[in-house]
Amino acid sequence: MERGSFAARHDFDALPPSPDIDVRCAQFSEIAALSEMARRLVPGVQIGAAELARYFTFDPQSILTFNRQGHLVGGMAFLFLSERGHDALLLDEICLTAPEMHYLASPQEDVAAIYIWAIAATGRGVAGLGKAAAHLRQLRFRGADCYAQPSTVAGREIMRATGFAPVPSFQPDLWCYERPWHRQPMLMPGAVIQARSFADARH
């Protein structure tokens, strides 16, 4: 996960979009810079530009760039998993440093689970998470819960601050964010509490 401060407490799908950070799908010409940034900021990341380009070519929506005033300040990479890939993640049968392509959903498929492969951001770049969350509310992704393995103290803080929690699995230190529309309504005596604002956020 990424490096950088993140003090506010928000559900991931309720993170406010920052007007200062432009978030969009990466371009092929940015892959080398994103690969270098990830290796510099995220402990344990060893994937090179050529390998990252392979996943980008398979699914261009799986890598986002964060830009501020025309300068690259961060990026975010996802593994969009199929049902088979979701099972492999929970059973620790997928190689997360070099994921096998047959566990990924095709670009034409709805995604069963989203693994946040890496967040690399400097300074105010972390504010791009609000628009990244909006990217994941597209129809293809909104049925998928999000998973991650924080690798830094800052990454763990971000997980806690955005509604992620450790989940039981064979995959070590796996955290999950359950999408608000998957959660059961909270029943209280004489009242039903519904997360309508989250449901509305999908559209």
N, C-alpha and C. Protein backbone atom coordinates (compact mmCIF):
# COMPACT_ATOMS: atom_id res chain seq x y z
N MET A 1 0.84 -1.19 0.00
CA MET A 1 0.00 0.00 0.00
C MET A 1 0.88 1.24 0.00
N GLU A 2 0.23 2.40 0.06
CA GLU A 2 0.98 3.62 -0.24
C GLU A 2 1.65 4.27 0.96
N ARG A 3 2.39 5.29 0.64
CA ARG A 3 3.03 6.10 1.67
C ARG A 3 2.41 7.49 1.63
N GLY A 4 2.12 8.05 2.79
CA GLY A 4 1.55 9.39 2.86
C GLY A 4 0.52 9.47 3.97
N SER A 5 0.24 10.68 4.46
CA SER A 5 -0.67 10.83 5.59
C SER A 5 -2.11 10.80 5.13
N PHE A 6 -2.99 10.32 6.03
CA PHE A 6 -4.41 10.25 5.71
C PHE A 6 -5.17 10.29 7.02
N ALA A 7 -5.57 11.48 7.43
CA ALA A 7 -6.12 11.64 8.77
C ALA A 7 -7.65 11.49 8.82
N ALA A 8 -8.36 11.90 7.75
CA ALA A 8 -9.82 11.91 7.78
C ALA A 8 -10.37 10.49 7.81
N ARG A 9 -11.54 10.33 8.43
CA ARG A 9 -12.20 9.03 8.51
C ARG A 9 -13.41 9.04 7.59
N HIS A 10 -13.39 8.24 6.56
CA HIS A 10 -14.49 8.15 5.62
C HIS A 10 -14.63 6.71 5.14
N ASP A 11 -15.86 6.28 4.92
CA ASP A 11 -16.08 5.04 4.21
C ASP A 11 -15.49 5.21 2.80
N PHE A 12 -14.84 4.16 2.28
CA PHE A 12 -14.15 4.28 0.99
C PHE A 12 -15.07 4.82 -0.10
N ASP A 13 -16.30 4.31 -0.17
CA ASP A 13 -17.22 4.77 -1.21
C ASP A 13 -17.80 6.14 -0.94
N ALA A 14 -17.51 6.72 0.22
CA ALA A 14 -17.98 8.06 0.55
C ALA A 14 -16.85 9.08 0.55
N LEU A 15 -15.65 8.68 0.12
CA LEU A 15 -14.54 9.63 0.08
C LEU A 15 -14.86 10.78 -0.87
N PRO A 16 -14.64 12.01 -0.46
CA PRO A 16 -14.95 13.14 -1.34
C PRO A 16 -13.92 13.26 -2.46
N PRO A 17 -14.38 13.58 -3.67
CA PRO A 17 -13.43 13.78 -4.76
C PRO A 17 -12.69 15.11 -4.58
N SER A 18 -11.40 15.08 -4.74
CA SER A 18 -10.61 16.31 -4.60
C SER A 18 -10.56 17.05 -5.94
N PRO A 19 -10.93 18.33 -5.94
CA PRO A 19 -10.85 19.09 -7.20
C PRO A 19 -9.42 19.34 -7.64
N ASP A 20 -8.46 19.17 -6.72
CA ASP A 20 -7.06 19.46 -7.04
C ASP A 20 -6.35 18.31 -7.75
N ILE A 21 -6.92 17.11 -7.67
CA ILE A 21 -6.25 15.94 -8.22
C ILE A 21 -7.06 15.38 -9.39
N ASP A 22 -6.41 15.24 -10.51
CA ASP A 22 -7.03 14.65 -11.69
C ASP A 22 -6.72 13.16 -11.70
N VAL A 23 -7.74 12.35 -11.71
CA VAL A 23 -7.57 10.89 -11.71
C VAL A 23 -8.16 10.33 -13.00
N ARG A 24 -7.38 9.54 -13.70
CA ARG A 24 -7.85 8.95 -14.97
C ARG A 24 -7.10 7.66 -15.22
N CYS A 25 -7.62 6.90 -16.18
CA CYS A 25 -6.92 5.69 -16.57
C CYS A 25 -5.56 6.06 -17.15
N ALA A 26 -4.56 5.27 -16.81
CA ALA A 26 -3.19 5.55 -17.26
C ALA A 26 -3.08 5.45 -18.78
N GLN A 27 -2.08 6.11 -19.30
CA GLN A 27 -1.71 5.96 -20.69
C GLN A 27 -0.45 5.09 -20.76
N PHE A 28 -0.28 4.43 -21.89
CA PHE A 28 0.85 3.51 -22.00
C PHE A 28 2.18 4.22 -21.75
N SER A 29 2.27 5.48 -22.16
CA SER A 29 3.52 6.23 -22.01
C SER A 29 3.86 6.51 -20.54
N GLU A 30 2.89 6.33 -19.63
CA GLU A 30 3.12 6.61 -18.21
C GLU A 30 3.52 5.37 -17.42
N ILE A 31 3.49 4.21 -18.03
CA ILE A 31 3.70 2.96 -17.31
C ILE A 31 5.08 2.90 -16.66
N ALA A 32 6.12 3.32 -17.37
CA ALA A 32 7.48 3.27 -16.81
C ALA A 32 7.59 4.13 -15.56
N ALA A 33 7.03 5.35 -15.60
CA ALA A 33 7.09 6.24 -14.44
C ALA A 33 6.29 5.68 -13.27
N LEU A 34 5.15 5.06 -13.55
CA LEU A 34 4.34 4.47 -12.50
C LEU A 34 5.05 3.27 -11.87
N SER A 35 5.71 2.47 -12.69
CA SER A 35 6.46 1.33 -12.18
C SER A 35 7.58 1.79 -11.25
N GLU A 36 8.29 2.82 -11.65
CA GLU A 36 9.39 3.35 -10.83
C GLU A 36 8.85 3.91 -9.51
N MET A 37 7.73 4.63 -9.57
CA MET A 37 7.13 5.20 -8.37
C MET A 37 6.69 4.10 -7.41
N ALA A 38 6.09 3.04 -7.94
CA ALA A 38 5.64 1.94 -7.08
C ALA A 38 6.82 1.26 -6.40
N ARG A 39 7.90 1.02 -7.14
CA ARG A 39 9.07 0.37 -6.55
C ARG A 39 9.71 1.25 -5.47
N ARG A 40 9.62 2.56 -5.66
CA ARG A 40 10.23 3.49 -4.70
C ARG A 40 9.39 3.65 -3.44
N LEU A 41 8.06 3.60 -3.56
CA LEU A 41 7.19 3.93 -2.44
C LEU A 41 6.55 2.74 -1.74
N VAL A 42 6.43 1.62 -2.43
CA VAL A 42 5.70 0.48 -1.87
C VAL A 42 6.67 -0.65 -1.57
N PRO A 43 6.89 -0.98 -0.30
CA PRO A 43 7.83 -2.05 0.05
C PRO A 43 7.45 -3.37 -0.61
N GLY A 44 8.45 -4.04 -1.15
CA GLY A 44 8.23 -5.37 -1.73
C GLY A 44 7.84 -5.39 -3.19
N VAL A 45 7.50 -4.23 -3.75
CA VAL A 45 7.12 -4.19 -5.16
C VAL A 45 8.37 -4.33 -6.02
N GLN A 46 8.36 -5.32 -6.89
CA GLN A 46 9.50 -5.55 -7.76
C GLN A 46 9.11 -5.59 -9.23
N ILE A 47 7.83 -5.46 -9.53
CA ILE A 47 7.38 -5.58 -10.91
C ILE A 47 7.97 -4.47 -11.77
N GLY A 48 8.49 -4.84 -12.91
CA GLY A 48 9.09 -3.88 -13.82
C GLY A 48 8.07 -3.30 -14.79
N ALA A 49 8.52 -2.33 -15.58
CA ALA A 49 7.63 -1.65 -16.51
C ALA A 49 7.05 -2.63 -17.55
N ALA A 50 7.86 -3.57 -18.01
CA ALA A 50 7.38 -4.51 -19.04
C ALA A 50 6.26 -5.39 -18.49
N GLU A 51 6.43 -5.88 -17.26
CA GLU A 51 5.38 -6.71 -16.65
C GLU A 51 4.13 -5.89 -16.37
N LEU A 52 4.30 -4.67 -15.87
CA LEU A 52 3.14 -3.82 -15.59
C LEU A 52 2.40 -3.51 -16.89
N ALA A 53 3.14 -3.29 -17.96
CA ALA A 53 2.52 -3.01 -19.26
C ALA A 53 1.66 -4.18 -19.73
N ARG A 54 2.06 -5.39 -19.37
CA ARG A 54 1.29 -6.58 -19.77
C ARG A 54 -0.10 -6.56 -19.15
N TYR A 55 -0.17 -6.22 -17.86
CA TYR A 55 -1.48 -6.15 -17.20
C TYR A 55 -2.28 -4.96 -17.71
N PHE A 56 -1.60 -3.84 -17.97
CA PHE A 56 -2.27 -2.66 -18.50
C PHE A 56 -2.88 -2.96 -19.87
N THR A 57 -2.14 -3.68 -20.71
CA THR A 57 -2.63 -4.02 -22.05
C THR A 57 -3.85 -4.93 -21.95
N PHE A 58 -3.83 -5.84 -20.99
CA PHE A 58 -4.97 -6.76 -20.80
C PHE A 58 -6.21 -6.00 -20.38
N ASP A 59 -6.07 -5.02 -19.47
CA ASP A 59 -7.21 -4.26 -18.96
C ASP A 59 -6.78 -2.84 -18.61
N PRO A 60 -6.92 -1.89 -19.55
CA PRO A 60 -6.46 -0.51 -19.31
C PRO A 60 -7.15 0.19 -18.15
N GLN A 61 -8.31 -0.33 -17.70
CA GLN A 61 -8.98 0.30 -16.56
C GLN A 61 -8.36 -0.09 -15.22
N SER A 62 -7.37 -0.99 -15.25
CA SER A 62 -6.83 -1.50 -14.00
C SER A 62 -5.71 -0.64 -13.41
N ILE A 63 -5.31 0.41 -14.10
CA ILE A 63 -4.26 1.30 -13.58
C ILE A 63 -4.73 2.74 -13.73
N LEU A 64 -4.69 3.48 -12.64
CA LEU A 64 -5.08 4.89 -12.63
C LEU A 64 -3.86 5.76 -12.33
N THR A 65 -3.87 6.97 -12.87
CA THR A 65 -2.85 7.95 -12.51
C THR A 65 -3.50 9.10 -11.74
N PHE A 66 -2.75 9.64 -10.78
CA PHE A 66 -3.16 10.82 -10.03
C PHE A 66 -2.24 11.96 -10.47
N ASN A 67 -2.81 13.04 -10.96
CA ASN A 67 -2.02 14.17 -11.43
C ASN A 67 -2.48 15.45 -10.74
N ARG A 68 -1.53 16.31 -10.42
CA ARG A 68 -1.83 17.62 -9.84
C ARG A 68 -1.07 18.68 -10.61
N GLN A 69 -1.82 19.59 -11.18
CA GLN A 69 -1.23 20.67 -11.99
C GLN A 69 -0.29 20.12 -13.05
N GLY A 70 -0.71 19.02 -13.67
CA GLY A 70 0.05 18.44 -14.77
C GLY A 70 1.20 17.55 -14.35
N HIS A 71 1.40 17.37 -13.05
CA HIS A 71 2.51 16.54 -12.57
C HIS A 71 1.98 15.24 -11.97
N LEU A 72 2.64 14.14 -12.28
CA LEU A 72 2.26 12.85 -11.74
C LEU A 72 2.57 12.81 -10.24
N VAL A 73 1.54 12.61 -9.40
CA VAL A 73 1.73 12.57 -7.96
C VAL A 73 1.30 11.24 -7.36
N GLY A 74 0.89 10.32 -8.21
CA GLY A 74 0.50 9.02 -7.66
C GLY A 74 -0.15 8.13 -8.70
N GLY A 75 -0.42 6.93 -8.26
CA GLY A 75 -1.09 5.97 -9.12
C GLY A 75 -1.68 4.86 -8.29
N MET A 76 -2.54 4.09 -8.90
CA MET A 76 -3.23 3.01 -8.20
C MET A 76 -3.44 1.88 -9.19
N ALA A 77 -3.13 0.67 -8.78
CA ALA A 77 -3.28 -0.49 -9.66
C ALA A 77 -4.18 -1.52 -8.99
N PHE A 78 -5.01 -2.15 -9.80
CA PHE A 78 -5.97 -3.13 -9.30
C PHE A 78 -5.82 -4.46 -10.03
N LEU A 79 -6.16 -5.52 -9.34
CA LEU A 79 -6.41 -6.80 -10.00
C LEU A 79 -7.91 -7.01 -9.98
N PHE A 80 -8.52 -7.03 -11.14
CA PHE A 80 -9.95 -7.26 -11.25
C PHE A 80 -10.16 -8.77 -11.40
N LEU A 81 -10.58 -9.40 -10.32
CA LEU A 81 -10.60 -10.86 -10.25
C LEU A 81 -11.93 -11.45 -10.70
N SER A 82 -11.84 -12.59 -11.34
CA SER A 82 -13.02 -13.39 -11.67
C SER A 82 -13.43 -14.17 -10.41
N GLU A 83 -14.53 -14.94 -10.51
CA GLU A 83 -14.93 -15.78 -9.38
C GLU A 83 -13.79 -16.73 -9.00
N ARG A 84 -13.16 -17.30 -10.01
CA ARG A 84 -12.03 -18.21 -9.76
C ARG A 84 -10.89 -17.48 -9.08
N GLY A 85 -10.63 -16.25 -9.51
CA GLY A 85 -9.57 -15.46 -8.91
C GLY A 85 -9.89 -15.05 -7.47
N HIS A 86 -11.16 -14.76 -7.21
CA HIS A 86 -11.59 -14.41 -5.86
C HIS A 86 -11.32 -15.59 -4.92
N ASP A 87 -11.70 -16.79 -5.34
CA ASP A 87 -11.44 -17.98 -4.53
C ASP A 87 -9.94 -18.17 -4.31
N ALA A 88 -9.16 -17.98 -5.37
CA ALA A 88 -7.71 -18.17 -5.27
C ALA A 88 -7.09 -17.17 -4.30
N LEU A 89 -7.63 -15.94 -4.27
CA LEU A 89 -7.12 -14.93 -3.33
C LEU A 89 -7.36 -15.37 -1.89
N LEU A 90 -8.57 -15.82 -1.58
CA LEU A 90 -8.90 -16.20 -0.20
C LEU A 90 -8.16 -17.46 0.23
N LEU A 91 -7.85 -18.33 -0.74
CA LEU A 91 -7.17 -19.59 -0.43
C LEU A 91 -5.66 -19.49 -0.53
N ASP A 92 -5.14 -18.28 -0.82
CA ASP A 92 -3.70 -18.07 -0.98
C ASP A 92 -3.13 -18.92 -2.11
N GLU A 93 -3.87 -19.00 -3.20
CA GLU A 93 -3.43 -19.78 -4.35
C GLU A 93 -3.02 -18.90 -5.54
N ILE A 94 -3.03 -17.58 -5.34
CA ILE A 94 -2.64 -16.66 -6.40
C ILE A 94 -1.31 -16.02 -6.01
N CYS A 95 -0.43 -15.84 -6.97
CA CYS A 95 0.85 -15.18 -6.73
C CYS A 95 0.64 -13.67 -6.90
N LEU A 96 0.59 -12.95 -5.79
CA LEU A 96 0.26 -11.53 -5.86
C LEU A 96 1.40 -10.65 -6.34
N THR A 97 2.62 -11.18 -6.39
CA THR A 97 3.72 -10.41 -6.96
C THR A 97 3.76 -10.53 -8.48
N ALA A 98 3.24 -11.62 -9.01
CA ALA A 98 3.16 -11.81 -10.46
C ALA A 98 1.89 -12.61 -10.75
N PRO A 99 0.73 -11.96 -10.64
CA PRO A 99 -0.55 -12.67 -10.71
C PRO A 99 -0.76 -13.39 -12.05
N GLU A 100 -1.28 -14.60 -11.95
CA GLU A 100 -1.57 -15.38 -13.15
C GLU A 100 -2.78 -14.78 -13.87
N MET A 101 -2.67 -14.61 -15.17
CA MET A 101 -3.70 -13.91 -15.94
C MET A 101 -5.04 -14.65 -15.91
N HIS A 102 -5.02 -15.97 -15.75
CA HIS A 102 -6.28 -16.71 -15.81
C HIS A 102 -7.16 -16.47 -14.58
N TYR A 103 -6.65 -15.76 -13.58
CA TYR A 103 -7.47 -15.40 -12.43
C TYR A 103 -8.16 -14.04 -12.61
N LEU A 104 -7.85 -13.34 -13.68
CA LEU A 104 -8.40 -12.01 -13.89
C LEU A 104 -9.68 -12.08 -14.72
N ALA A 105 -10.63 -11.20 -14.39
CA ALA A 105 -11.83 -11.08 -15.20
C ALA A 105 -11.46 -10.42 -16.52
N SER A 106 -12.07 -10.87 -17.60
CA SER A 106 -11.81 -10.22 -18.89
C SER A 106 -12.44 -8.83 -18.88
N PRO A 107 -11.96 -7.93 -19.73
CA PRO A 107 -12.53 -6.57 -19.75
C PRO A 107 -14.03 -6.53 -20.06
N GLN A 108 -14.58 -7.61 -20.61
CA GLN A 108 -16.00 -7.67 -20.92
C GLN A 108 -16.82 -8.28 -19.78
N GLU A 109 -16.14 -8.76 -18.74
CA GLU A 109 -16.80 -9.46 -17.63
C GLU A 109 -17.05 -8.54 -16.45
N ASP A 110 -18.15 -8.80 -15.73
CA ASP A 110 -18.31 -8.16 -14.42
C ASP A 110 -17.24 -8.72 -13.48
N VAL A 111 -16.79 -7.90 -12.56
CA VAL A 111 -15.69 -8.27 -11.68
C VAL A 111 -16.24 -8.86 -10.38
N ALA A 112 -15.68 -9.98 -9.94
CA ALA A 112 -16.15 -10.66 -8.72
C ALA A 112 -15.51 -10.07 -7.46
N ALA A 113 -14.26 -9.64 -7.55
CA ALA A 113 -13.56 -9.04 -6.41
C ALA A 113 -12.47 -8.12 -6.95
N ILE A 114 -12.19 -7.08 -6.21
CA ILE A 114 -11.15 -6.12 -6.59
C ILE A 114 -10.02 -6.22 -5.58
N TYR A 115 -8.83 -6.55 -6.06
CA TYR A 115 -7.66 -6.53 -5.18
C TYR A 115 -6.89 -5.25 -5.49
N ILE A 116 -6.71 -4.42 -4.47
CA ILE A 116 -5.92 -3.19 -4.65
C ILE A 116 -4.46 -3.59 -4.60
N TRP A 117 -3.87 -3.66 -5.77
CA TRP A 117 -2.53 -4.20 -5.93
C TRP A 117 -1.49 -3.26 -5.34
N ALA A 118 -1.66 -1.97 -5.61
CA ALA A 118 -0.71 -0.99 -5.07
C ALA A 118 -1.32 0.40 -5.13
N ILE A 119 -1.01 1.18 -4.11
CA ILE A 119 -1.27 2.63 -4.13
C ILE A 119 0.08 3.29 -3.89
N ALA A 120 0.50 4.12 -4.79
CA ALA A 120 1.73 4.89 -4.60
C ALA A 120 1.38 6.36 -4.79
N ALA A 121 1.60 7.15 -3.76
CA ALA A 121 1.25 8.57 -3.84
C ALA A 121 2.21 9.38 -3.00
N THR A 122 2.47 10.59 -3.46
CA THR A 122 3.33 11.51 -2.72
C THR A 122 2.54 12.76 -2.39
N GLY A 123 2.83 13.35 -1.23
CA GLY A 123 2.20 14.60 -0.84
C GLY A 123 0.68 14.52 -0.89
N ARG A 124 0.10 15.47 -1.63
CA ARG A 124 -1.35 15.55 -1.71
C ARG A 124 -1.96 14.50 -2.65
N GLY A 125 -1.12 13.69 -3.25
CA GLY A 125 -1.62 12.70 -4.20
C GLY A 125 -2.63 11.74 -3.60
N VAL A 126 -2.52 11.49 -2.28
CA VAL A 126 -3.43 10.55 -1.63
C VAL A 126 -4.87 11.04 -1.72
N ALA A 127 -5.08 12.34 -1.93
CA ALA A 127 -6.44 12.88 -2.07
C ALA A 127 -7.13 12.35 -3.33
N GLY A 128 -6.37 11.73 -4.22
CA GLY A 128 -6.97 11.14 -5.41
C GLY A 128 -7.82 9.92 -5.14
N LEU A 129 -7.77 9.41 -3.91
CA LEU A 129 -8.53 8.20 -3.59
C LEU A 129 -10.03 8.40 -3.77
N GLY A 130 -10.54 9.61 -3.56
CA GLY A 130 -11.97 9.84 -3.73
C GLY A 130 -12.42 9.58 -5.16
N LYS A 131 -11.66 10.07 -6.13
CA LYS A 131 -12.01 9.84 -7.54
C LYS A 131 -11.71 8.40 -7.95
N ALA A 132 -10.71 7.78 -7.31
CA ALA A 132 -10.44 6.37 -7.59
C ALA A 132 -11.63 5.51 -7.13
N ALA A 133 -12.20 5.85 -5.97
CA ALA A 133 -13.38 5.14 -5.48
C ALA A 133 -14.54 5.31 -6.44
N ALA A 134 -14.69 6.50 -7.00
CA ALA A 134 -15.76 6.73 -7.98
C ALA A 134 -15.55 5.85 -9.22
N HIS A 135 -14.31 5.67 -9.62
CA HIS A 135 -13.98 4.78 -10.76
C HIS A 135 -14.51 3.37 -10.49
N LEU A 136 -14.41 2.93 -9.24
CA LEU A 136 -14.82 1.58 -8.88
C LEU A 136 -16.33 1.45 -8.64
N ARG A 137 -17.06 2.54 -8.80
CA ARG A 137 -18.52 2.47 -8.71
C ARG A 137 -19.18 2.31 -10.07
N GLN A 138 -18.38 2.14 -11.11
CA GLN A 138 -18.94 1.84 -12.42
C GLN A 138 -19.65 0.48 -12.37
N LEU A 139 -20.59 0.30 -13.29
CA LEU A 139 -21.44 -0.90 -13.30
C LEU A 139 -20.63 -2.18 -13.24
N ARG A 140 -19.53 -2.24 -13.97
CA ARG A 140 -18.73 -3.46 -14.04
C ARG A 140 -18.10 -3.83 -12.70
N PHE A 141 -17.84 -2.84 -11.86
CA PHE A 141 -17.09 -3.07 -10.62
C PHE A 141 -17.95 -3.05 -9.36
N ARG A 142 -19.14 -2.52 -9.41
CA ARG A 142 -19.83 -2.19 -8.17
C ARG A 142 -20.37 -3.42 -7.43
N GLY A 143 -20.38 -4.58 -8.05
CA GLY A 143 -20.76 -5.79 -7.33
C GLY A 143 -19.61 -6.43 -6.58
N ALA A 144 -18.42 -5.86 -6.70
CA ALA A 144 -17.21 -6.47 -6.14
C ALA A 144 -16.75 -5.78 -4.87
N ASP A 145 -16.54 -6.54 -3.82
CA ASP A 145 -15.89 -6.00 -2.62
C ASP A 145 -14.39 -5.81 -2.91
N CYS A 146 -13.75 -4.98 -2.12
CA CYS A 146 -12.35 -4.64 -2.34
C CYS A 146 -11.46 -5.31 -1.27
N TYR A 147 -10.30 -5.76 -1.70
CA TYR A 147 -9.33 -6.41 -0.82
C TYR A 147 -7.98 -5.72 -0.95
N ALA A 148 -7.17 -5.84 0.09
CA ALA A 148 -5.83 -5.26 0.06
C ALA A 148 -4.98 -5.89 1.16
N GLN A 149 -3.68 -5.78 1.02
CA GLN A 149 -2.72 -6.17 2.05
C GLN A 149 -1.81 -4.98 2.31
N PRO A 150 -2.08 -4.21 3.37
CA PRO A 150 -1.22 -3.05 3.64
C PRO A 150 0.19 -3.47 3.97
N SER A 151 1.16 -2.78 3.38
CA SER A 151 2.57 -3.14 3.59
C SER A 151 3.34 -2.07 4.34
N THR A 152 2.67 -0.97 4.70
CA THR A 152 3.31 0.09 5.49
C THR A 152 2.36 0.51 6.60
N VAL A 153 2.90 1.23 7.57
CA VAL A 153 2.06 1.78 8.64
C VAL A 153 1.03 2.74 8.04
N ALA A 154 1.47 3.58 7.11
CA ALA A 154 0.55 4.53 6.48
C ALA A 154 -0.55 3.80 5.72
N GLY A 155 -0.18 2.72 5.04
CA GLY A 155 -1.18 1.95 4.31
C GLY A 155 -2.21 1.35 5.24
N ARG A 156 -1.74 0.87 6.39
CA ARG A 156 -2.67 0.29 7.37
C ARG A 156 -3.61 1.38 7.92
N GLU A 157 -3.09 2.58 8.13
CA GLU A 157 -3.93 3.68 8.59
C GLU A 157 -5.01 4.01 7.57
N ILE A 158 -4.63 3.99 6.30
CA ILE A 158 -5.62 4.28 5.26
C ILE A 158 -6.70 3.20 5.24
N MET A 159 -6.29 1.95 5.40
CA MET A 159 -7.27 0.87 5.43
C MET A 159 -8.29 1.09 6.56
N ARG A 160 -7.78 1.35 7.75
CA ARG A 160 -8.69 1.57 8.89
C ARG A 160 -9.58 2.79 8.66
N ALA A 161 -9.01 3.83 8.08
CA ALA A 161 -9.74 5.09 7.92
C ALA A 161 -10.82 5.01 6.85
N THR A 162 -10.76 4.02 5.98
CA THR A 162 -11.71 3.95 4.87
C THR A 162 -12.62 2.73 4.93
N GLY A 163 -12.70 2.09 6.10
CA GLY A 163 -13.68 1.03 6.28
C GLY A 163 -13.21 -0.37 5.97
N PHE A 164 -11.91 -0.57 5.72
CA PHE A 164 -11.38 -1.91 5.54
C PHE A 164 -11.18 -2.57 6.90
N ALA A 165 -11.24 -3.89 6.93
CA ALA A 165 -11.00 -4.63 8.17
C ALA A 165 -10.37 -5.97 7.81
N PRO A 166 -9.53 -6.52 8.68
CA PRO A 166 -8.94 -7.85 8.42
C PRO A 166 -10.05 -8.90 8.31
N VAL A 167 -9.86 -9.85 7.39
CA VAL A 167 -10.85 -10.92 7.21
C VAL A 167 -10.17 -12.28 7.34
N PRO A 168 -10.90 -13.29 7.81
CA PRO A 168 -10.34 -14.63 7.89
C PRO A 168 -10.08 -15.18 6.48
N SER A 169 -8.88 -15.65 6.24
CA SER A 169 -8.55 -16.25 4.94
C SER A 169 -7.21 -16.96 5.09
N PHE A 170 -6.89 -17.78 4.11
CA PHE A 170 -5.58 -18.41 4.08
C PHE A 170 -4.52 -17.42 3.60
N GLN A 171 -4.95 -16.34 2.96
CA GLN A 171 -4.05 -15.28 2.50
C GLN A 171 -3.65 -14.46 3.72
N PRO A 172 -2.36 -14.34 4.04
CA PRO A 172 -1.97 -13.62 5.25
C PRO A 172 -2.26 -12.12 5.18
N ASP A 173 -2.74 -11.59 6.32
CA ASP A 173 -2.98 -10.15 6.50
C ASP A 173 -3.84 -9.57 5.38
N LEU A 174 -4.93 -10.25 5.07
CA LEU A 174 -5.83 -9.78 4.02
C LEU A 174 -6.93 -8.93 4.65
N TRP A 175 -7.13 -7.74 4.09
CA TRP A 175 -8.16 -6.83 4.57
C TRP A 175 -9.24 -6.72 3.49
N CYS A 176 -10.47 -6.50 3.94
CA CYS A 176 -11.59 -6.41 3.00
C CYS A 176 -12.43 -5.17 3.29
N TYR A 177 -12.91 -4.55 2.23
CA TYR A 177 -13.89 -3.48 2.32
C TYR A 177 -15.17 -3.98 1.66
N GLU A 178 -16.21 -4.14 2.48
CA GLU A 178 -17.49 -4.59 1.96
C GLU A 178 -18.26 -3.39 1.42
N ARG A 179 -18.70 -3.47 0.17
CA ARG A 179 -19.41 -2.34 -0.42
C ARG A 179 -20.69 -2.08 0.37
N PRO A 180 -21.05 -0.81 0.56
CA PRO A 180 -22.21 -0.48 1.41
C PRO A 180 -23.50 -1.16 0.99
N TRP A 181 -23.68 -1.33 -0.32
CA TRP A 181 -24.93 -1.94 -0.80
C TRP A 181 -24.96 -3.46 -0.61
N HIS A 182 -23.86 -4.05 -0.15
CA HIS A 182 -23.86 -5.47 0.21
C HIS A 182 -24.20 -5.69 1.69
N ARG A 183 -24.15 -4.64 2.47
CA ARG A 183 -24.32 -4.78 3.91
C ARG A 183 -25.79 -4.93 4.28
N GLN A 184 -26.04 -5.71 5.32
CA GLN A 184 -27.41 -5.88 5.80
C GLN A 184 -27.88 -4.60 6.49
N PRO A 185 -29.13 -4.18 6.24
CA PRO A 185 -29.64 -3.02 6.98
C PRO A 185 -29.61 -3.29 8.48
N MET A 186 -29.27 -2.27 9.23
CA MET A 186 -29.20 -2.39 10.68
C MET A 186 -30.61 -2.27 11.28
N LEU A 187 -31.04 -3.30 11.97
CA LEU A 187 -32.38 -3.30 12.56
C LEU A 187 -32.31 -2.82 14.01
N MET A 188 -33.16 -1.85 14.33
CA MET A 188 -33.24 -1.35 15.70
C MET A 188 -34.71 -1.36 16.11
N PRO A 189 -35.00 -1.42 17.40
CA PRO A 189 -36.39 -1.43 17.84
C PRO A 189 -37.17 -0.24 17.31
N GLY A 190 -38.23 -0.55 16.54
CA GLY A 190 -39.10 0.50 16.03
C GLY A 190 -38.56 1.27 14.85
N ALA A 191 -37.40 0.86 14.31
CA ALA A 191 -36.83 1.64 13.21
C ALA A 191 -35.97 0.75 12.33
N VAL A 192 -35.88 1.12 11.08
CA VAL A 192 -34.98 0.46 10.15
C VAL A 192 -34.02 1.52 9.62
N ILE A 193 -32.73 1.30 9.82
CA ILE A 193 -31.73 2.26 9.38
C ILE A 193 -31.16 1.76 8.05
N GLN A 194 -31.24 2.56 7.01
CA GLN A 194 -30.75 2.17 5.70
C GLN A 194 -29.69 3.15 5.23
N ALA A 195 -28.65 2.61 4.59
CA ALA A 195 -27.55 3.46 4.10
C ALA A 195 -27.90 3.99 2.71
N ARG A 196 -28.93 4.83 2.65
CA ARG A 196 -29.39 5.31 1.36
C ARG A 196 -28.35 6.13 0.63
N SER A 197 -27.61 6.94 1.38
CA SER A 197 -26.62 7.78 0.72
C SER A 197 -25.59 6.95 -0.04
N PHE A 198 -25.23 5.76 0.51
CA PHE A 198 -24.28 4.90 -0.17
C PHE A 198 -24.90 4.33 -1.43
N ALA A 199 -26.17 3.90 -1.34
CA ALA A 199 -26.83 3.35 -2.51
C ALA A 199 -26.90 4.40 -3.62
N ASP A 200 -27.21 5.62 -3.23
CA ASP A 200 -27.28 6.69 -4.22
C ASP A 200 -25.91 6.95 -4.86
N ALA A 201 -24.85 6.70 -4.11
CA ALA A 201 -23.51 7.01 -4.60
C ALA A 201 -23.10 6.13 -5.76
N ARG A 202 -23.81 5.03 -5.98
CA ARG A 202 -23.43 4.16 -7.07
C ARG A 202 -23.76 4.76 -8.43
N HIS A 203 -24.66 5.75 -8.47
CA HIS A 203 -25.17 6.21 -9.75
C HIS A 203 -24.55 7.54 -10.14
